[in-house]
PDB file of N, CA and C in Angstrom:
ATOM      1  N   MET A   1      17.465 -11.786  12.668  1.00  0.00           N
ATOM      2  CA  MET A   1      16.965 -11.215  10.974  1.00  0.00           C
ATOM      3  C   MET A   1      18.196 -11.070   9.785  1.00  0.00           C
ATOM      4  N   ASN A   2      17.603 -11.433   8.945  1.00  0.00           N
ATOM      5  CA  ASN A   2      18.939 -12.260   7.725  1.00  0.00           C
ATOM      6  C   ASN A   2      19.194 -11.511   8.042  1.00  0.00           C
ATOM      7  N   PRO A   3      21.114 -11.327   7.278  1.00  0.00           N
ATOM      8  CA  PRO A   3      21.973 -10.569   7.536  1.00  0.00           C
ATOM      9  C   PRO A   3      21.572  -9.897   5.492  1.00  0.00           C
ATOM     10  N   ILE A   4      20.610  -9.978   4.882  1.00  0.00           N
ATOM     11  CA  ILE A   4      20.405 -10.164   3.818  1.00  0.00           C
ATOM     12  C   ILE A   4      20.014  -8.553   3.853  1.00  0.00           C
ATOM     13  N   TRP A   5      19.170  -8.899   4.853  1.00  0.00           N
ATOM     14  CA  TRP A   5      17.972  -6.571   5.021  1.00  0.00           C
ATOM     15  C   TRP A   5      19.343  -5.927   5.980  1.00  0.00           C
ATOM     16  N   PHE A   6      20.454  -6.860   6.140  1.00  0.00           N
ATOM     17  CA  PHE A   6      21.376  -5.254   6.819  1.00  0.00           C
ATOM     18  C   PHE A   6      22.034  -5.013   6.094  1.00  0.00           C
ATOM     19  N   VAL A   7      21.928  -5.886   4.625  1.00  0.00           N
ATOM     20  CA  VAL A   7      22.727  -5.190   3.653  1.00  0.00           C
ATOM     21  C   VAL A   7      21.658  -4.643   2.685  1.00  0.00           C
ATOM     22  N   ARG A   8      20.141  -4.523   3.117  1.00  0.00           N
ATOM     23  CA  ARG A   8      19.522  -3.622   1.575  1.00  0.00           C
ATOM     24  C   ARG A   8      19.012  -1.914   2.614  1.00  0.00           C
ATOM     25  N   MET A   9      19.468  -2.623   4.257  1.00  0.00           N
ATOM     26  CA  MET A   9      19.216  -1.557   4.711  1.00  0.00           C
ATOM     27  C   MET A   9      20.516  -0.831   4.308  1.00  0.00           C
ATOM     28  N   ALA A  10      21.675  -0.989   4.001  1.00  0.00           N
ATOM     29  CA  ALA A  10      22.821  -0.120   3.937  1.00  0.00           C
ATOM     30  C   ALA A  10      23.022   0.816   2.536  1.00  0.00           C
ATOM     31  N   ARG A  11      22.191  -0.064   1.819  1.00  0.00           N
ATOM     32  CA  ARG A  11      22.121   0.506   0.567  1.00  0.00           C
ATOM     33  C   ARG A  11      21.273   1.341   0.022  1.00  0.00           C
ATOM     34  N   TRP A  12      20.139   0.897   0.832  1.00  0.00           N
ATOM     35  CA  TRP A  12      19.193   2.275   0.857  1.00  0.00           C
ATOM     36  C   TRP A  12      19.262   3.416   1.494  1.00  0.00           C
ATOM     37  N   ALA A  13      20.349   3.537   2.829  1.00  0.00           N
ATOM     38  CA  ALA A  13      20.867   4.329   2.931  1.00  0.00           C
ATOM     39  C   ALA A  13      21.785   4.956   2.461  1.00  0.00           C
ATOM     40  N   ARG A  14      22.770   5.236   2.073  1.00  0.00           N
ATOM     41  CA  ARG A  14      23.207   5.365   0.293  1.00  0.00           C
ATOM     42  C   ARG A  14      22.292   5.799  -1.290  1.00  0.00           C
ATOM     43  N   ASN A  15      21.367   5.321  -1.155  1.00  0.00           N
ATOM     44  CA  ASN A  15      21.482   5.622  -1.922  1.00  0.00           C
ATOM     45  C   ASN A  15      19.772   5.375  -1.655  1.00  0.00           C
ATOM     46  N   PRO A  16      19.009   6.725  -0.969  1.00  0.00           N
ATOM     47  CA  PRO A  16      17.573   7.142  -0.295  1.00  0.00           C
ATOM     48  C   PRO A  16      16.881   7.102  -2.298  1.00  0.00           C
ATOM     49  N   PRO A  17      15.611   7.009  -1.653  1.00  0.00           N
ATOM     50  CA  PRO A  17      14.797   6.584  -3.321  1.00  0.00           C
ATOM     51  C   PRO A  17      14.349   8.554  -3.777  1.00  0.00           C
ATOM     52  N   SER A  18      14.145   9.050  -4.175  1.00  0.00           N
ATOM     53  CA  SER A  18      13.784   9.916  -4.501  1.00  0.00           C
ATOM     54  C   SER A  18      12.447  10.021  -4.255  1.00  0.00           C
ATOM     55  N   SER A  19      12.184  12.066  -4.850  1.00  0.00           N
ATOM     56  CA  SER A  19      10.925  12.739  -3.407  1.00  0.00           C
ATOM     57  C   SER A  19      10.293  11.928  -4.334  1.00  0.00           C
ATOM     58  N   ALA A  20      10.423  11.735  -6.079  1.00  0.00           N
ATOM     59  CA  ALA A  20       8.628  11.594  -6.290  1.00  0.00           C
ATOM     60  C   ALA A  20       8.482  10.472  -5.874  1.00  0.00           C
ATOM     61  N   ARG A  21       8.854   9.386  -5.922  1.00  0.00           N
ATOM     62  CA  ARG A  21       9.100   7.986  -5.355  1.00  0.00           C
ATOM     63  C   ARG A  21       8.435   7.795  -4.100  1.00  0.00           C
ATOM     64  N   VAL A  22       8.672   8.565  -2.853  1.00  0.00           N
ATOM     65  CA  VAL A  22       8.217   9.061  -1.575  1.00  0.00           C
ATOM     66  C   VAL A  22       6.325   9.375  -1.814  1.00  0.00           C
ATOM     67  N   LYS A  23       6.220  10.595  -2.582  1.00  0.00           N
ATOM     68  CA  LYS A  23       5.394  10.597  -2.849  1.00  0.00           C
ATOM     69  C   LYS A  23       4.407  10.320  -4.016  1.00  0.00           C
ATOM     70  N   LEU A  24       5.063   8.835  -4.775  1.00  0.00           N
ATOM     71  CA  LEU A  24       3.927   8.256  -4.819  1.00  0.00           C
ATOM     72  C   LEU A  24       3.617   7.644  -4.073  1.00  0.00           C
ATOM     73  N   VAL A  25       4.256   7.231  -3.241  1.00  0.00           N
ATOM     74  CA  VAL A  25       4.396   5.615  -2.307  1.00  0.00           C
ATOM     75  C   VAL A  25       3.408   6.474  -1.332  1.00  0.00           C
ATOM     76  N   PHE A  26       3.038   7.877  -1.042  1.00  0.00           N
ATOM     77  CA  PHE A  26       1.903   7.674  -0.007  1.00  0.00           C
ATOM     78  C   PHE A  26       1.171   8.253  -0.696  1.00  0.00           C
ATOM     79  N   GLY A  27       0.896   8.437  -1.921  1.00  0.00           N
ATOM     80  CA  GLY A  27      -0.012   8.286  -2.727  1.00  0.00           C
ATOM     81  C   GLY A  27      -1.082   7.652  -2.678  1.00  0.00           C
ATOM     82  N   VAL A  28      -0.206   6.259  -3.128  1.00  0.00           N
ATOM     83  CA  VAL A  28      -1.252   4.980  -3.437  1.00  0.00           C
ATOM     84  C   VAL A  28      -1.576   4.816  -2.382  1.00  0.00           C
ATOM     85  N   ILE A  29      -0.866   4.714  -1.123  1.00  0.00           N
ATOM     86  CA  ILE A  29      -1.267   4.306   0.975  1.00  0.00           C
ATOM     87  C   ILE A  29      -2.423   5.279   1.459  1.00  0.00           C
ATOM     88  N   ALA A  30      -2.752   6.442   0.894  1.00  0.00           N
ATOM     89  CA  ALA A  30      -3.462   7.357   0.657  1.00  0.00           C
ATOM     90  C   ALA A  30      -5.183   6.986   0.169  1.00  0.00           C
ATOM     91  N   VAL A  31      -4.490   6.516  -1.561  1.00  0.00           N
ATOM     92  CA  VAL A  31      -6.436   6.074  -2.097  1.00  0.00           C
ATOM     93  C   VAL A  31      -6.511   4.969  -1.792  1.00  0.00           C
ATOM     94  N   LEU A  32      -5.913   3.755  -0.616  1.00  0.00           N
ATOM     95  CA  LEU A  32      -6.192   2.829  -0.195  1.00  0.00           C
ATOM     96  C   LEU A  32      -7.149   3.057   1.167  1.00  0.00           C
ATOM     97  N   LEU A  33      -6.153   3.693   1.536  1.00  0.00           N
ATOM     98  CA  LEU A  33      -7.444   3.842   3.012  1.00  0.00           C
ATOM     99  C   LEU A  33      -8.288   4.832   3.201  1.00  0.00           C
ATOM    100  N   MET A  34      -8.782   5.951   1.210  1.00  0.00           N
ATOM    101  CA  MET A  34      -9.651   5.838   1.062  1.00  0.00           C
ATOM    102  C   MET A  34     -10.915   5.457   0.341  1.00  0.00           C
ATOM    103  N   ILE A  35      -9.931   3.721   0.311  1.00  0.00           N
ATOM    104  CA  ILE A  35     -11.720   3.316  -0.743  1.00  0.00           C
ATOM    105  C   ILE A  35     -11.971   3.098   1.038  1.00  0.00           C
ATOM    106  N   TRP A  36     -11.129   2.349   1.749  1.00  0.00           N
ATOM    107  CA  TRP A  36     -11.494   1.600   2.935  1.00  0.00           C
ATOM    108  C   TRP A  36     -12.871   2.359   3.919  1.00  0.00           C
ATOM    109  N   GLY A  37     -12.584   3.286   4.116  1.00  0.00           N
ATOM    110  CA  GLY A  37     -12.633   4.533   5.007  1.00  0.00           C
ATOM    111  C   GLY A  37     -14.281   4.870   3.957  1.00  0.00           C
ATOM    112  N   VAL A  38     -13.716   4.505   2.672  1.00  0.00           N
ATOM    113  CA  VAL A  38     -15.044   4.266   1.828  1.00  0.00           C
ATOM    114  C   VAL A  38     -16.584   3.563   2.437  1.00  0.00           C
ATOM    115  N   GLU A  39     -15.743   1.980   1.532  1.00  0.00           N
ATOM    116  CA  GLU A  39     -15.963   0.586   3.076  1.00  0.00           C
ATOM    117  C   GLU A  39     -16.232   0.601   3.700  1.00  0.00           C
ATOM    118  N   LYS A  40     -15.815   1.176   4.357  1.00  0.00           N
ATOM    119  CA  LYS A  40     -16.431   1.231   6.335  1.00  0.00           C
ATOM    120  C   LYS A  40     -17.324   1.758   6.080  1.00  0.00           C
ATOM    121  N   LEU A  41     -17.983   3.253   4.868  1.00  0.00           N
ATOM    122  CA  LEU A  41     -18.901   4.456   6.062  1.00  0.00           C
ATOM    123  C   LEU A  41     -20.105   3.288   4.638  1.00  0.00           C
ATOM    124  N   GLY A  42     -19.416   2.481   4.386  1.00  0.00           N
ATOM    125  CA  GLY A  42     -20.814   1.933   4.004  1.00  0.00           C
ATOM    126  C   GLY A  42     -21.084   2.229   2.717  1.00  0.00           C
ATOM    127  N   TRP A  43     -20.563   3.722   1.940  1.00  0.00           N
ATOM    128  CA  TRP A  43     -20.401   3.863   0.303  1.00  0.00           C
ATOM    129  C   TRP A  43     -20.031   3.273  -0.434  1.00  0.00           C
ATOM    130  N   TRP A  44     -19.657   1.930   0.191  1.00  0.00           N
ATOM    131  CA  TRP A  44     -19.071   1.226  -1.678  1.00  0.00           C
ATOM    132  C   TRP A  44     -20.251   0.747  -1.874  1.00  0.00           C
ATOM    133  N   PRO A  45     -20.408   1.038  -3.725  1.00  0.00           N
ATOM    134  CA  PRO A  45     -21.526   0.076  -4.162  1.00  0.00           C
ATOM    135  C   PRO A  45     -21.336  -1.505  -3.929  1.00  0.00           C
ATOM    136  N   ASP A  46     -22.268  -2.250  -4.481  1.00  0.00           N
ATOM    137  CA  ASP A  46     -22.181  -3.339  -4.321  1.00  0.00           C
ATOM    138  C   ASP A  46     -21.948  -4.030  -5.780  1.00  0.00           C
ATOM    139  N   TRP A  47     -22.082  -2.992  -6.703  1.00  0.00           N
ATOM    140  CA  TRP A  47     -21.520  -3.760  -8.309  1.00  0.00           C
ATOM    141  C   TRP A  47     -19.894  -4.142  -7.859  1.00  0.00           C
ATOM    142  N   ALA A  48     -19.361  -3.211  -7.106  1.00  0.00           N
ATOM    143  CA  ALA A  48     -17.655  -3.247  -6.693  1.00  0.00           C
ATOM    144  C   ALA A  48     -17.817  -4.627  -5.668  1.00  0.00           C
ATOM    145  N   THR A  49     -18.483  -5.009  -4.423  1.00  0.00           N
ATOM    146  CA  THR A  49     -18.280  -6.223  -4.001  1.00  0.00           C
ATOM    147  C   THR A  49     -18.229  -7.097  -5.134  1.00  0.00           C
ATOM    148  N   ALA A  50     -17.134  -8.132  -4.572  1.00  0.00           N
ATOM    149  CA  ALA A  50     -16.898  -9.756  -4.987  1.00  0.00           C
ATOM    150  C   ALA A  50     -17.700 -10.321  -4.416  1.00  0.00           C
ATOM    151  N   THR A  51     -18.157 -10.908  -4.480  1.00  0.00           N
ATOM    152  CA  THR A  51     -18.819 -12.679  -3.814  1.00  0.00           C
ATOM    153  C   THR A  51     -18.358 -12.916  -4.177  1.00  0.00           C
ATOM    154  N   ARG A  52     -18.201 -13.357  -2.708  1.00  0.00           N
ATOM    155  CA  ARG A  52     -17.971 -15.865  -2.730  1.00  0.00           C
ATOM    156  C   ARG A  52     -18.141 -16.264  -3.228  1.00  0.00           C
ATOM    157  N   ALA A  53     -17.481 -17.629  -3.842  1.00  0.00           N
ATOM    158  CA  ALA A  53     -17.739 -18.285  -4.007  1.00  0.00           C
ATOM    159  C   ALA A  53     -17.718 -19.700  -3.228  1.00  0.00           C
ATOM    160  N   ARG A  54     -19.132 -21.122  -3.622  1.00  0.00           N
ATOM    161  CA  ARG A  54     -19.609 -21.751  -2.793  1.00  0.00           C
ATOM    162  C   ARG A  54     -18.627 -23.089  -3.312  1.00  0.00           C
ATOM    163  N   PRO A  55     -18.004 -23.382  -2.014  1.00  0.00           N
ATOM    164  CA  PRO A  55     -17.042 -24.427  -2.334  1.00  0.00           C
ATOM    165  C   PRO A  55     -17.787 -25.870  -2.502  1.00  0.00           C
TER     166      PRO A  55
END
């Protein structure tokens, strides 16, 4: 593990993120999981799916 990561962890422990930022991060993760779930269930529209270009 790079020593810079220990410095980052110490800085984060001294100044933790605000509750609003934590809620934002969990909200973004929840939205991404919902999109992933909709796609796996087959409810994702065809117009929103990217097509692969031929090489």
